[in-house]
Amino acid sequence: VAFTEQICQRTSRIFGTHGELTWTGNDTLIHYDFLTQKRTVYDETDCSGAGIMSGHGGADFFAMDSFIRALSSNKPELIGT
């Protein structure tokens, strides 16, 4: 956490060797390629075609679901992994 001129706006920025990803809390993810100097904007709604059950055959969804249920009910035994 650090100070910024933007008030109450969450921004995530990931830097890599070949580029960076930026997300400002809205429905878009911006990829900037250092080599080509091109910026590509991805709409979150375009990325959801595979559905929540697609990651690792649905295991990602169920792992997060059990984790959230355990936190919200204060029952660690609900965590399935």
N, C-alpha and C. Protein backbone atom coordinates (compact mmCIF):
# COMPACT_ATOMS: atom_id res chain seq x y z
N VAL A 1 0.86 -1.16 0.00
CA VAL A 1 0.00 0.00 0.00
C VAL A 1 0.90 1.22 0.00
N ALA A 2 0.55 2.17 -0.87
CA ALA A 2 1.35 3.39 -0.96
C ALA A 2 0.43 4.55 -1.31
N PHE A 3 0.95 5.75 -1.20
CA PHE A 3 0.18 6.93 -1.56
C PHE A 3 0.12 7.07 -3.07
N THR A 4 -0.97 7.64 -3.56
CA THR A 4 -1.15 7.85 -4.99
C THR A 4 -2.06 9.05 -5.19
N GLU A 5 -2.00 9.66 -6.37
CA GLU A 5 -2.89 10.79 -6.64
C GLU A 5 -4.32 10.32 -6.88
N GLN A 6 -4.51 9.05 -7.20
CA GLN A 6 -5.84 8.52 -7.44
C GLN A 6 -6.46 8.14 -6.10
N ILE A 7 -7.61 8.70 -5.83
CA ILE A 7 -8.27 8.44 -4.56
C ILE A 7 -9.32 7.36 -4.74
N CYS A 8 -9.28 6.36 -3.89
CA CYS A 8 -10.26 5.27 -3.88
C CYS A 8 -10.36 4.53 -5.22
N GLN A 9 -9.26 4.40 -5.90
CA GLN A 9 -9.25 3.62 -7.14
C GLN A 9 -8.16 2.56 -7.02
N ARG A 10 -8.57 1.32 -7.03
CA ARG A 10 -7.64 0.21 -6.91
C ARG A 10 -7.04 -0.08 -8.28
N THR A 11 -5.73 -0.19 -8.34
CA THR A 11 -5.03 -0.50 -9.58
C THR A 11 -4.06 -1.64 -9.32
N SER A 12 -4.06 -2.61 -10.21
CA SER A 12 -3.09 -3.70 -10.14
C SER A 12 -2.23 -3.63 -11.39
N ARG A 13 -0.92 -3.71 -11.19
CA ARG A 13 -0.01 -3.66 -12.32
C ARG A 13 1.05 -4.73 -12.11
N ILE A 14 1.18 -5.59 -13.12
CA ILE A 14 2.16 -6.68 -13.07
C ILE A 14 3.17 -6.45 -14.18
N PHE A 15 4.43 -6.38 -13.81
CA PHE A 15 5.49 -6.17 -14.78
C PHE A 15 6.20 -7.48 -15.06
N GLY A 16 6.46 -7.74 -16.33
CA GLY A 16 7.19 -8.93 -16.73
C GLY A 16 8.35 -8.55 -17.62
N THR A 17 9.05 -9.53 -18.11
CA THR A 17 10.20 -9.30 -18.97
C THR A 17 9.81 -8.69 -20.30
N HIS A 18 8.68 -9.11 -20.83
CA HIS A 18 8.27 -8.70 -22.17
C HIS A 18 7.15 -7.66 -22.19
N GLY A 19 6.58 -7.35 -21.03
CA GLY A 19 5.49 -6.39 -21.03
C GLY A 19 4.88 -6.23 -19.66
N GLU A 20 3.71 -5.61 -19.64
CA GLU A 20 3.02 -5.40 -18.38
C GLU A 20 1.52 -5.56 -18.55
N LEU A 21 0.85 -5.91 -17.44
CA LEU A 21 -0.60 -6.02 -17.39
C LEU A 21 -1.10 -4.98 -16.40
N THR A 22 -2.16 -4.28 -16.76
CA THR A 22 -2.74 -3.27 -15.89
C THR A 22 -4.23 -3.47 -15.79
N TRP A 23 -4.73 -3.43 -14.56
CA TRP A 23 -6.17 -3.54 -14.31
C TRP A 23 -6.53 -2.46 -13.30
N THR A 24 -7.58 -1.68 -13.59
CA THR A 24 -7.95 -0.57 -12.72
C THR A 24 -9.27 -0.79 -12.00
N GLY A 25 -9.70 -2.02 -11.91
CA GLY A 25 -10.92 -2.32 -11.18
C GLY A 25 -12.17 -2.30 -12.03
N ASN A 26 -12.03 -2.04 -13.31
CA ASN A 26 -13.20 -2.07 -14.19
C ASN A 26 -13.20 -3.39 -14.95
N ASP A 27 -13.90 -3.44 -16.05
CA ASP A 27 -14.05 -4.70 -16.80
C ASP A 27 -12.99 -4.91 -17.87
N THR A 28 -11.89 -4.18 -17.81
CA THR A 28 -10.87 -4.33 -18.85
C THR A 28 -9.50 -4.61 -18.25
N LEU A 29 -8.73 -5.37 -18.99
CA LEU A 29 -7.34 -5.66 -18.66
C LEU A 29 -6.51 -5.15 -19.82
N ILE A 30 -5.46 -4.39 -19.53
CA ILE A 30 -4.62 -3.81 -20.58
C ILE A 30 -3.27 -4.51 -20.58
N HIS A 31 -2.87 -4.98 -21.75
CA HIS A 31 -1.57 -5.62 -21.93
C HIS A 31 -0.72 -4.69 -22.79
N TYR A 32 0.48 -4.35 -22.30
CA TYR A 32 1.41 -3.55 -23.08
C TYR A 32 2.64 -4.40 -23.37
N ASP A 33 2.97 -4.52 -24.66
CA ASP A 33 4.10 -5.32 -25.11
C ASP A 33 5.30 -4.40 -25.30
N PHE A 34 6.38 -4.62 -24.53
CA PHE A 34 7.56 -3.77 -24.62
C PHE A 34 8.22 -3.83 -25.99
N LEU A 35 8.24 -5.00 -26.60
CA LEU A 35 8.92 -5.18 -27.88
C LEU A 35 8.21 -4.45 -29.01
N THR A 36 6.91 -4.67 -29.14
CA THR A 36 6.15 -4.07 -30.24
C THR A 36 5.60 -2.70 -29.89
N GLN A 37 5.63 -2.35 -28.61
CA GLN A 37 5.06 -1.11 -28.09
C GLN A 37 3.57 -1.00 -28.42
N LYS A 38 2.91 -2.15 -28.47
CA LYS A 38 1.47 -2.19 -28.72
C LYS A 38 0.72 -2.39 -27.42
N ARG A 39 -0.42 -1.76 -27.34
CA ARG A 39 -1.30 -1.88 -26.19
C ARG A 39 -2.56 -2.62 -26.64
N THR A 40 -2.91 -3.69 -25.94
CA THR A 40 -4.10 -4.47 -26.26
C THR A 40 -5.04 -4.42 -25.06
N VAL A 41 -6.30 -4.10 -25.33
CA VAL A 41 -7.29 -4.02 -24.26
C VAL A 41 -8.20 -5.23 -24.37
N TYR A 42 -8.32 -5.98 -23.28
CA TYR A 42 -9.18 -7.16 -23.22
C TYR A 42 -10.40 -6.83 -22.37
N ASP A 43 -11.56 -7.11 -22.92
CA ASP A 43 -12.80 -6.92 -22.19
C ASP A 43 -13.08 -8.17 -21.38
N GLU A 44 -13.34 -8.00 -20.10
CA GLU A 44 -13.57 -9.15 -19.21
C GLU A 44 -14.70 -10.04 -19.71
N THR A 45 -15.72 -9.46 -20.30
CA THR A 45 -16.84 -10.26 -20.77
C THR A 45 -16.43 -11.16 -21.93
N ASP A 46 -15.41 -10.76 -22.69
CA ASP A 46 -14.92 -11.61 -23.79
C ASP A 46 -14.15 -12.81 -23.27
N CYS A 47 -13.59 -12.72 -22.08
CA CYS A 47 -12.75 -13.78 -21.53
C CYS A 47 -13.55 -14.81 -20.73
N SER A 48 -14.83 -14.60 -20.57
CA SER A 48 -15.60 -15.49 -19.70
C SER A 48 -16.28 -16.62 -20.45
N GLY A 49 -15.98 -16.80 -21.72
CA GLY A 49 -16.65 -17.82 -22.52
C GLY A 49 -16.43 -19.24 -22.04
N ALA A 50 -15.30 -19.50 -21.42
CA ALA A 50 -15.01 -20.86 -20.97
C ALA A 50 -15.82 -21.23 -19.73
N GLY A 51 -16.26 -20.25 -18.98
CA GLY A 51 -17.07 -20.51 -17.79
C GLY A 51 -16.24 -20.77 -16.55
N ILE A 52 -16.89 -20.72 -15.41
CA ILE A 52 -16.18 -20.86 -14.14
C ILE A 52 -15.68 -22.27 -13.90
N MET A 53 -16.24 -23.22 -14.59
CA MET A 53 -15.87 -24.61 -14.34
C MET A 53 -14.67 -25.07 -15.18
N SER A 54 -14.08 -24.19 -15.98
CA SER A 54 -13.06 -24.63 -16.93
C SER A 54 -11.67 -24.79 -16.32
N GLY A 55 -11.29 -23.96 -15.36
CA GLY A 55 -9.94 -24.01 -14.81
C GLY A 55 -9.65 -25.30 -14.07
N HIS A 56 -8.71 -26.08 -14.55
CA HIS A 56 -8.33 -27.36 -13.95
C HIS A 56 -9.53 -28.27 -13.75
N GLY A 57 -10.39 -28.29 -14.76
CA GLY A 57 -11.56 -29.18 -14.71
C GLY A 57 -12.57 -28.81 -13.64
N GLY A 58 -12.61 -27.55 -13.25
CA GLY A 58 -13.54 -27.11 -12.22
C GLY A 58 -12.93 -27.07 -10.83
N ALA A 59 -11.74 -27.62 -10.67
CA ALA A 59 -11.11 -27.67 -9.34
C ALA A 59 -10.83 -26.28 -8.79
N ASP A 60 -10.42 -25.33 -9.66
CA ASP A 60 -10.16 -23.97 -9.19
C ASP A 60 -11.41 -23.36 -8.57
N PHE A 61 -12.53 -23.54 -9.25
CA PHE A 61 -13.80 -23.00 -8.75
C PHE A 61 -14.14 -23.59 -7.38
N PHE A 62 -14.08 -24.91 -7.26
CA PHE A 62 -14.47 -25.55 -6.01
C PHE A 62 -13.50 -25.26 -4.87
N ALA A 63 -12.22 -25.10 -5.18
CA ALA A 63 -11.24 -24.74 -4.14
C ALA A 63 -11.56 -23.36 -3.58
N MET A 64 -11.82 -22.39 -4.47
CA MET A 64 -12.16 -21.04 -4.01
C MET A 64 -13.51 -21.01 -3.32
N ASP A 65 -14.47 -21.77 -3.82
CA ASP A 65 -15.80 -21.82 -3.22
C ASP A 65 -15.72 -22.34 -1.78
N SER A 66 -14.99 -23.42 -1.56
CA SER A 66 -14.88 -23.97 -0.20
C SER A 66 -14.12 -23.01 0.71
N PHE A 67 -13.12 -22.32 0.18
CA PHE A 67 -12.35 -21.36 0.97
C PHE A 67 -13.23 -20.19 1.41
N ILE A 68 -14.02 -19.65 0.49
CA ILE A 68 -14.90 -18.53 0.81
C ILE A 68 -15.98 -18.95 1.80
N ARG A 69 -16.54 -20.14 1.62
CA ARG A 69 -17.55 -20.64 2.57
C ARG A 69 -16.94 -20.82 3.97
N ALA A 70 -15.72 -21.32 4.03
CA ALA A 70 -15.06 -21.51 5.32
C ALA A 70 -14.81 -20.17 6.01
N LEU A 71 -14.37 -19.18 5.26
CA LEU A 71 -14.13 -17.86 5.83
C LEU A 71 -15.43 -17.21 6.31
N SER A 72 -16.45 -17.25 5.47
CA SER A 72 -17.70 -16.57 5.81
C SER A 72 -18.43 -17.22 6.98
N SER A 73 -18.23 -18.50 7.20
CA SER A 73 -18.91 -19.19 8.30
C SER A 73 -17.98 -19.47 9.48
N ASN A 74 -16.71 -19.07 9.35
CA ASN A 74 -15.70 -19.31 10.39
C ASN A 74 -15.58 -20.81 10.72
N LYS A 75 -15.59 -21.63 9.66
CA LYS A 75 -15.46 -23.08 9.83
C LYS A 75 -14.32 -23.59 8.94
N PRO A 76 -13.09 -23.61 9.45
CA PRO A 76 -11.96 -24.04 8.63
C PRO A 76 -12.08 -25.46 8.11
N GLU A 77 -12.89 -26.28 8.75
CA GLU A 77 -13.05 -27.66 8.30
C GLU A 77 -13.74 -27.76 6.93
N LEU A 78 -14.33 -26.66 6.46
CA LEU A 78 -14.98 -26.67 5.14
C LEU A 78 -13.98 -26.58 3.99
N ILE A 79 -12.74 -26.23 4.29
CA ILE A 79 -11.73 -26.11 3.23
C ILE A 79 -11.41 -27.52 2.74
N GLY A 80 -11.64 -27.73 1.44
CA GLY A 80 -11.52 -29.07 0.88
C GLY A 80 -10.14 -29.49 0.44
N THR A 81 -9.17 -28.60 0.47
CA THR A 81 -7.83 -28.98 0.02
C THR A 81 -6.81 -28.76 1.11
